[in-house]
């Protein structure tokens, strides 16, 4: 997937998730099952997951210096999704920096707005990256290890869709 289409997919998936969250009633937003996150916690987790990526991608020179490059073909979207699903099946889960606190209803708008601003920054930072750099520069993922920037964007697009689906499933129970 080319850069502009990938940026659009990341934004579209996040926007769909935020629209879903914002349409929830107070009871739905606060609903939780044992050991499951509320919709608000899902929203905070997505924001906590996105912010470090935006910070890292702010300087492609910094990405190259800190994490280097990779000399292998970039995995497809489907391969990245499969690797993530396998990691989850083996017990992988969010590490402490990405775990959400309890999220009160009065934080919903602020979290949604912060996520929108963070997505806008991500798109701006990615303008500096060439298609080749998306496939050669590496960033670390806490569960999946070293990934190309393109693979990380594939993950980011899928990750929010995954949590969108989990939120729907939790509310359906």
Protein backbone atom coordinates (compact mmCIF):
# COMPACT_ATOMS: atom_id res chain seq x y z
CA UNK A 1 0.00 0.00 0.00
CA UNK A 2 1.43 3.37 -0.97
CA UNK A 3 2.10 6.03 1.64
CA UNK A 4 -0.92 8.26 1.01
CA UNK A 5 -3.33 5.33 0.94
CA UNK A 6 -1.77 3.95 4.11
CA UNK A 7 -2.03 7.29 5.92
CA UNK A 8 -5.67 7.48 4.83
CA UNK A 9 -6.32 3.94 6.13
CA UNK A 10 -4.75 4.75 9.50
CA UNK A 11 -6.81 7.94 9.76
CA UNK A 12 -10.04 6.33 8.55
CA UNK A 13 -9.77 3.44 11.00
CA UNK A 14 -9.07 5.80 13.90
CA UNK A 15 -11.85 8.17 12.87
CA UNK A 16 -14.34 5.27 12.67
CA UNK A 17 -13.31 4.13 16.14
CA UNK A 18 -13.64 7.63 17.62
CA UNK A 19 -17.02 8.14 15.95
CA UNK A 20 -18.21 4.86 17.45
CA UNK A 21 -16.94 5.79 20.92
CA UNK A 22 -18.44 9.28 20.72
CA UNK A 23 -21.86 7.85 19.81
CA UNK A 24 -21.98 5.63 22.91
CA UNK A 25 -24.33 6.44 25.73
CA UNK A 26 -22.90 7.08 29.19
CA UNK A 27 -23.85 3.56 30.26
CA UNK A 28 -22.18 2.05 27.19
CA UNK A 29 -19.06 4.17 27.59
CA UNK A 30 -18.68 3.06 31.21
CA UNK A 31 -19.73 -0.60 30.70
CA UNK A 32 -17.15 -3.19 31.55
CA UNK A 33 -16.93 -6.94 31.87
CA UNK A 34 -14.56 -8.63 34.32
CA UNK A 35 -10.98 -8.34 33.01
CA UNK A 36 -12.13 -6.27 30.01
CA UNK A 37 -11.58 -2.59 29.34
CA UNK A 38 -14.37 -0.05 29.12
CA UNK A 39 -14.81 1.85 25.85
CA UNK A 40 -13.06 4.79 27.51
CA UNK A 41 -10.10 2.62 28.42
CA UNK A 42 -9.96 1.31 24.85
CA UNK A 43 -9.84 4.93 23.65
CA UNK A 44 -7.07 5.83 26.08
CA UNK A 45 -5.09 2.72 25.11
CA UNK A 46 -5.24 3.68 21.43
CA UNK A 47 -4.01 7.18 22.25
CA UNK A 48 -1.22 5.83 24.49
CA UNK A 49 -0.18 3.49 21.68
CA UNK A 50 -0.13 6.19 19.02
CA UNK A 51 1.72 8.95 20.89
CA UNK A 52 5.15 7.24 21.07
CA UNK A 53 5.02 6.41 17.38
CA UNK A 54 4.31 10.02 16.50
CA UNK A 55 7.16 11.15 18.74
CA UNK A 56 9.61 8.70 17.16
CA UNK A 57 8.58 9.53 13.59
CA UNK A 58 9.00 13.27 14.17
CA UNK A 59 12.60 12.93 12.98
CA UNK A 60 13.45 10.38 10.32
CA UNK A 61 17.12 11.13 10.95
CA UNK A 62 16.51 10.17 14.57
CA UNK A 63 14.79 6.97 13.50
CA UNK A 64 17.77 6.04 11.32
CA UNK A 65 20.27 6.88 14.08
CA UNK A 66 18.42 5.18 16.94
CA UNK A 67 17.00 2.11 15.26
CA UNK A 68 18.78 1.70 11.92
CA UNK A 69 17.56 0.06 8.77
CA UNK A 70 16.50 -3.39 7.70
CA UNK A 71 17.47 -5.35 4.63
CA UNK A 72 14.51 -7.60 4.01
CA UNK A 73 11.24 -7.24 2.13
CA UNK A 74 8.49 -5.42 3.99
CA UNK A 75 5.76 -7.71 5.25
CA UNK A 76 2.28 -7.23 3.84
CA UNK A 77 -0.63 -5.90 5.87
CA UNK A 78 -1.94 -9.46 6.17
CA UNK A 79 1.41 -10.76 7.41
CA UNK A 80 1.61 -8.05 10.07
CA UNK A 81 -1.95 -8.83 11.21
CA UNK A 82 -1.13 -12.54 11.36
CA UNK A 83 2.03 -11.89 13.41
CA UNK A 84 0.01 -9.74 15.84
CA UNK A 85 -2.73 -12.36 16.15
CA UNK A 86 -0.12 -15.05 16.82
CA UNK A 87 1.52 -12.90 19.49
CA UNK A 88 -1.87 -12.37 21.16
CA UNK A 89 -2.64 -16.10 20.96
CA UNK A 90 0.63 -16.79 22.78
CA UNK A 91 -0.46 -14.53 25.64
CA UNK A 92 0.94 -11.23 24.40
CA UNK A 93 -0.70 -8.18 25.88
CA UNK A 94 -0.17 -4.46 26.37
CA UNK A 95 2.80 -3.54 28.52
CA UNK A 96 2.47 -1.02 31.40
CA UNK A 97 3.17 2.17 29.44
CA UNK A 98 0.18 1.37 27.22
CA UNK A 99 -2.26 0.25 29.90
CA UNK A 100 -5.17 2.62 30.44
CA UNK A 101 -6.32 3.99 33.77
CA UNK A 102 -10.00 4.24 34.64
CA UNK A 103 -11.55 6.73 32.22
CA UNK A 104 -14.41 8.93 33.41
CA UNK A 105 -17.07 10.04 30.97
CA UNK A 106 -15.97 13.67 31.26
CA UNK A 107 -12.64 12.72 29.62
CA UNK A 108 -14.21 11.32 26.44
CA UNK A 109 -14.19 14.57 24.45
CA UNK A 110 -10.66 15.51 25.50
CA UNK A 111 -9.30 12.06 24.65
CA UNK A 112 -11.09 12.11 21.28
CA UNK A 113 -9.68 15.54 20.49
CA UNK A 114 -6.18 14.57 21.58
CA UNK A 115 -6.35 11.49 19.36
CA UNK A 116 -7.44 13.61 16.37
CA UNK A 117 -4.54 16.00 16.95
CA UNK A 118 -2.10 13.11 17.32
CA UNK A 119 -3.31 11.58 14.04
CA UNK A 120 -2.80 14.91 12.30
CA UNK A 121 0.78 15.09 13.61
CA UNK A 122 1.42 11.54 12.42
CA UNK A 123 0.29 12.43 8.90
CA UNK A 124 2.46 15.57 8.93
CA UNK A 125 5.55 13.67 10.07
CA UNK A 126 5.04 10.98 7.44
CA UNK A 127 5.18 13.55 4.64
CA UNK A 128 8.95 13.65 5.17
CA UNK A 129 9.34 9.91 4.52
CA UNK A 130 9.85 8.46 1.05
CA UNK A 131 8.29 5.18 0.00
CA UNK A 132 11.77 3.61 0.23
CA UNK A 133 12.32 4.93 3.76
CA UNK A 134 9.00 3.43 4.85
CA UNK A 135 10.41 0.06 3.78
CA UNK A 136 13.95 0.39 5.15
CA UNK A 137 13.82 2.45 8.35
CA UNK A 138 13.07 0.46 11.47
CA UNK A 139 11.09 1.23 14.61
CA UNK A 140 10.62 -1.07 17.62
CA UNK A 141 7.30 -2.59 18.57
CA UNK A 142 7.02 -3.82 22.18
CA UNK A 143 5.34 -7.08 21.18
CA UNK A 144 6.44 -7.69 17.58
CA UNK A 145 10.04 -6.47 17.67
CA UNK A 146 11.72 -4.51 14.89
CA UNK A 147 9.36 -3.41 12.15
CA UNK A 148 9.75 -1.21 9.14
CA UNK A 149 7.89 2.09 9.37
CA UNK A 150 5.40 0.78 6.78
CA UNK A 151 4.82 -2.38 8.83
CA UNK A 152 4.28 -0.24 11.92
CA UNK A 153 1.68 1.77 10.03
CA UNK A 154 0.00 -1.47 8.93
CA UNK A 155 -0.03 -2.50 12.57
CA UNK A 156 -1.39 0.89 13.64
CA UNK A 157 -4.25 0.67 11.14
CA UNK A 158 -5.10 -2.84 12.30
CA UNK A 159 -4.59 -2.18 16.01
CA UNK A 160 -7.33 0.43 16.23
CA UNK A 161 -9.68 -1.77 14.16
CA UNK A 162 -8.93 -4.65 16.55
CA UNK A 163 -9.83 -2.52 19.58
CA UNK A 164 -12.89 -1.17 17.81
CA UNK A 165 -14.08 -4.76 17.34
CA UNK A 166 -13.22 -5.68 20.95
CA UNK A 167 -15.24 -2.70 22.19
CA UNK A 168 -18.23 -3.81 20.09
CA UNK A 169 -17.93 -7.39 21.37
CA UNK A 170 -17.71 -6.26 24.99
CA UNK A 171 -20.83 -4.16 24.64
CA UNK A 172 -22.72 -6.97 22.92
CA UNK A 173 -22.25 -9.26 25.93
